[in-house]
N, C-alpha and C. Protein backbone atom coordinates (compact mmCIF):
# COMPACT_ATOMS: atom_id res chain seq x y z
N MET A 1 0.84 -1.17 0.00
CA MET A 1 0.00 0.00 0.00
C MET A 1 0.88 1.24 0.00
N ARG A 2 0.50 2.23 -0.78
CA ARG A 2 1.22 3.49 -0.82
C ARG A 2 0.45 4.53 -0.04
N THR A 3 1.18 5.34 0.69
CA THR A 3 0.57 6.45 1.42
C THR A 3 1.31 7.70 1.02
N PHE A 4 0.57 8.75 0.74
CA PHE A 4 1.18 10.02 0.38
C PHE A 4 0.90 11.02 1.48
N LEU A 5 1.92 11.69 1.88
CA LEU A 5 1.80 12.72 2.91
C LEU A 5 2.19 14.04 2.28
N ALA A 6 1.32 14.99 2.36
CA ALA A 6 1.62 16.31 1.79
C ALA A 6 1.84 17.29 2.94
N CYS A 7 3.00 17.89 2.94
CA CYS A 7 3.34 18.86 3.95
C CYS A 7 4.49 19.70 3.41
N PRO A 8 4.76 20.83 4.03
CA PRO A 8 5.84 21.67 3.52
C PRO A 8 7.18 21.35 4.17
N PRO A 9 7.83 20.25 3.78
CA PRO A 9 9.09 19.88 4.43
C PRO A 9 10.27 20.72 3.95
N THR A 10 11.26 20.75 4.78
CA THR A 10 12.54 21.32 4.38
C THR A 10 13.58 20.24 4.62
N VAL A 11 14.72 20.41 4.05
CA VAL A 11 15.76 19.39 4.20
C VAL A 11 16.04 19.13 5.67
N SER A 12 16.03 20.16 6.50
CA SER A 12 16.34 19.98 7.92
C SER A 12 15.24 19.20 8.64
N ASN A 13 14.04 19.10 8.07
CA ASN A 13 12.96 18.36 8.72
C ASN A 13 12.98 16.87 8.41
N GLU A 14 13.72 16.44 7.42
CA GLU A 14 13.71 15.04 7.04
C GLU A 14 14.06 14.10 8.19
N PRO A 15 15.11 14.35 8.96
CA PRO A 15 15.39 13.47 10.09
C PRO A 15 14.25 13.47 11.12
N HIS A 16 13.59 14.60 11.28
CA HIS A 16 12.46 14.71 12.20
C HIS A 16 11.32 13.80 11.74
N PHE A 17 11.01 13.80 10.42
CA PHE A 17 9.96 12.93 9.90
C PHE A 17 10.33 11.47 10.11
N ALA A 18 11.57 11.12 9.88
CA ALA A 18 12.02 9.73 10.06
C ALA A 18 11.86 9.31 11.52
N GLU A 19 12.21 10.19 12.44
CA GLU A 19 12.08 9.89 13.87
C GLU A 19 10.61 9.68 14.24
N LYS A 20 9.73 10.52 13.72
CA LYS A 20 8.30 10.39 14.01
C LYS A 20 7.76 9.06 13.48
N LEU A 21 8.19 8.67 12.29
CA LEU A 21 7.76 7.38 11.74
C LEU A 21 8.22 6.23 12.63
N GLN A 22 9.47 6.30 13.10
CA GLN A 22 9.99 5.25 13.97
C GLN A 22 9.20 5.18 15.28
N ARG A 23 8.87 6.34 15.84
CA ARG A 23 8.07 6.36 17.07
C ARG A 23 6.66 5.84 16.82
N GLY A 24 6.19 5.95 15.58
CA GLY A 24 4.87 5.45 15.20
C GLY A 24 4.86 3.97 14.90
N GLY A 25 5.99 3.31 15.08
CA GLY A 25 6.05 1.87 14.90
C GLY A 25 6.60 1.41 13.55
N PHE A 26 7.02 2.34 12.72
CA PHE A 26 7.60 1.96 11.42
C PHE A 26 9.04 1.54 11.61
N GLU A 27 9.48 0.63 10.76
CA GLU A 27 10.85 0.14 10.79
C GLU A 27 11.50 0.36 9.44
N ASN A 28 12.80 0.20 9.42
CA ASN A 28 13.58 0.34 8.18
C ASN A 28 13.27 1.66 7.47
N VAL A 29 13.24 2.73 8.24
CA VAL A 29 12.94 4.05 7.67
C VAL A 29 14.12 4.51 6.83
N TRP A 30 13.83 4.87 5.61
CA TRP A 30 14.85 5.35 4.67
C TRP A 30 14.41 6.69 4.11
N VAL A 31 15.25 7.67 4.25
CA VAL A 31 14.98 9.00 3.70
C VAL A 31 15.80 9.14 2.43
N GLY A 32 15.13 9.25 1.30
CA GLY A 32 15.80 9.37 0.02
C GLY A 32 16.04 10.81 -0.35
N GLY A 33 16.11 11.04 -1.60
CA GLY A 33 16.38 12.38 -2.08
C GLY A 33 15.17 13.29 -1.99
N ASN A 34 15.39 14.52 -2.38
CA ASN A 34 14.31 15.49 -2.45
C ASN A 34 14.53 16.36 -3.67
N ARG A 35 13.46 16.97 -4.13
CA ARG A 35 13.58 17.87 -5.27
C ARG A 35 12.45 18.88 -5.22
N SER A 36 12.71 20.02 -5.77
CA SER A 36 11.69 21.06 -5.87
C SER A 36 10.69 20.68 -6.95
N PHE A 37 9.46 21.18 -6.79
CA PHE A 37 8.48 21.01 -7.86
C PHE A 37 7.80 22.33 -8.14
N GLU A 38 7.21 22.42 -9.33
CA GLU A 38 6.63 23.68 -9.78
C GLU A 38 5.11 23.62 -9.75
N ILE A 39 4.48 24.77 -9.97
CA ILE A 39 3.03 24.85 -9.92
C ILE A 39 2.39 23.87 -10.90
N ALA A 40 2.93 23.76 -12.10
CA ALA A 40 2.36 22.85 -13.10
C ALA A 40 2.33 21.41 -12.57
N GLU A 41 3.34 21.00 -11.84
CA GLU A 41 3.38 19.65 -11.29
C GLU A 41 2.38 19.48 -10.13
N ALA A 42 2.07 20.58 -9.45
CA ALA A 42 1.13 20.52 -8.33
C ALA A 42 -0.24 20.06 -8.79
N ASN A 43 -0.57 20.26 -10.07
CA ASN A 43 -1.84 19.79 -10.61
C ASN A 43 -2.01 18.28 -10.45
N LEU A 44 -0.91 17.55 -10.32
CA LEU A 44 -0.96 16.09 -10.21
C LEU A 44 -1.18 15.61 -8.78
N ILE A 45 -1.15 16.53 -7.83
CA ILE A 45 -1.27 16.18 -6.41
C ILE A 45 -2.67 16.56 -5.94
N PRO A 46 -3.46 15.59 -5.46
CA PRO A 46 -4.85 15.87 -5.08
C PRO A 46 -5.03 17.00 -4.07
N LEU A 47 -4.03 17.22 -3.24
CA LEU A 47 -4.12 18.30 -2.25
C LEU A 47 -4.34 19.66 -2.90
N PHE A 48 -3.77 19.84 -4.08
CA PHE A 48 -3.83 21.14 -4.76
C PHE A 48 -5.04 21.17 -5.70
N THR A 49 -6.13 21.74 -5.22
CA THR A 49 -7.35 21.86 -6.02
C THR A 49 -7.13 22.93 -7.10
N PRO A 50 -8.01 22.96 -8.12
CA PRO A 50 -7.89 24.03 -9.13
C PRO A 50 -7.92 25.43 -8.52
N GLU A 51 -8.69 25.59 -7.45
CA GLU A 51 -8.75 26.90 -6.79
C GLU A 51 -7.42 27.25 -6.13
N VAL A 52 -6.78 26.26 -5.52
CA VAL A 52 -5.48 26.51 -4.88
C VAL A 52 -4.42 26.82 -5.94
N ILE A 53 -4.45 26.08 -7.04
CA ILE A 53 -3.50 26.34 -8.14
C ILE A 53 -3.68 27.76 -8.65
N ALA A 54 -4.93 28.18 -8.87
CA ALA A 54 -5.21 29.54 -9.35
C ALA A 54 -4.72 30.57 -8.33
N LEU A 55 -4.94 30.31 -7.06
CA LEU A 55 -4.48 31.23 -6.01
C LEU A 55 -2.95 31.34 -6.02
N MET A 56 -2.27 30.20 -6.15
CA MET A 56 -0.80 30.22 -6.19
C MET A 56 -0.31 31.02 -7.40
N ARG A 57 -0.93 30.82 -8.55
CA ARG A 57 -0.51 31.55 -9.75
C ARG A 57 -0.68 33.07 -9.57
N ARG A 58 -1.73 33.46 -8.84
CA ARG A 58 -1.97 34.89 -8.62
C ARG A 58 -1.08 35.50 -7.55
N THR A 59 -0.75 34.74 -6.53
CA THR A 59 -0.07 35.32 -5.36
C THR A 59 1.43 35.05 -5.27
N ILE A 60 1.90 33.99 -5.92
CA ILE A 60 3.34 33.68 -5.90
C ILE A 60 3.99 34.37 -7.09
N PRO A 61 5.05 35.13 -6.84
CA PRO A 61 5.72 35.80 -7.97
C PRO A 61 6.13 34.80 -9.06
N ALA A 62 5.99 35.21 -10.30
CA ALA A 62 6.25 34.32 -11.45
C ALA A 62 7.64 33.70 -11.40
N GLU A 63 8.62 34.42 -10.90
CA GLU A 63 9.98 33.87 -10.87
C GLU A 63 10.13 32.72 -9.87
N HIS A 64 9.09 32.48 -9.05
CA HIS A 64 9.13 31.38 -8.09
C HIS A 64 8.19 30.24 -8.46
N HIS A 65 7.49 30.33 -9.58
CA HIS A 65 6.55 29.29 -9.98
C HIS A 65 7.22 27.95 -10.23
N ASP A 66 8.52 27.95 -10.47
CA ASP A 66 9.22 26.70 -10.76
C ASP A 66 9.72 25.99 -9.50
N ARG A 67 9.47 26.55 -8.34
CA ARG A 67 9.90 25.90 -7.09
C ARG A 67 8.98 26.30 -5.94
N ILE A 68 7.77 25.76 -5.96
CA ILE A 68 6.79 26.12 -4.94
C ILE A 68 6.76 25.13 -3.78
N GLY A 69 7.43 24.02 -3.92
CA GLY A 69 7.43 23.03 -2.86
C GLY A 69 8.58 22.07 -3.01
N THR A 70 8.70 21.17 -2.04
CA THR A 70 9.75 20.17 -2.06
C THR A 70 9.14 18.80 -1.89
N ALA A 71 9.47 17.90 -2.79
CA ALA A 71 9.03 16.51 -2.69
C ALA A 71 10.15 15.71 -2.03
N VAL A 72 9.80 14.94 -1.02
CA VAL A 72 10.77 14.13 -0.29
C VAL A 72 10.30 12.68 -0.34
N ILE A 73 11.22 11.78 -0.62
CA ILE A 73 10.90 10.36 -0.66
C ILE A 73 11.33 9.73 0.66
N ILE A 74 10.37 9.14 1.36
CA ILE A 74 10.65 8.43 2.60
C ILE A 74 9.97 7.07 2.50
N LYS A 75 10.73 6.00 2.72
CA LYS A 75 10.18 4.66 2.69
C LYS A 75 10.30 4.06 4.09
N ALA A 76 9.31 3.27 4.46
CA ALA A 76 9.33 2.63 5.76
C ALA A 76 8.39 1.42 5.72
N VAL A 77 8.58 0.53 6.68
CA VAL A 77 7.76 -0.68 6.79
C VAL A 77 7.04 -0.65 8.12
N LYS A 78 5.75 -0.89 8.08
CA LYS A 78 4.96 -1.00 9.32
C LYS A 78 4.68 -2.48 9.54
N PRO A 79 5.32 -3.08 10.56
CA PRO A 79 5.11 -4.51 10.82
C PRO A 79 3.64 -4.78 11.17
N ARG A 80 3.19 -5.95 10.78
CA ARG A 80 1.82 -6.34 11.14
C ARG A 80 1.77 -6.65 12.61
N PRO A 81 0.65 -6.32 13.24
CA PRO A 81 0.53 -6.60 14.70
C PRO A 81 0.50 -8.07 15.00
């Protein structure tokens, strides 16, 4: 099963997310790479509704449209009870 978590992470928060997953019972937590994403890519993420995309286009300066968020890959295993 895949789970997607949408939040505004920064590189410094990645170890914090890994620690929280471990405290939540996950094992083999692996924090992979990260990359910026742009408004156009946000259309693919259910969290960003058409209204939110339109708001971002209006309120975020055009020179920042290519890096509105950071995608972080974190893998972990939740053992069965």
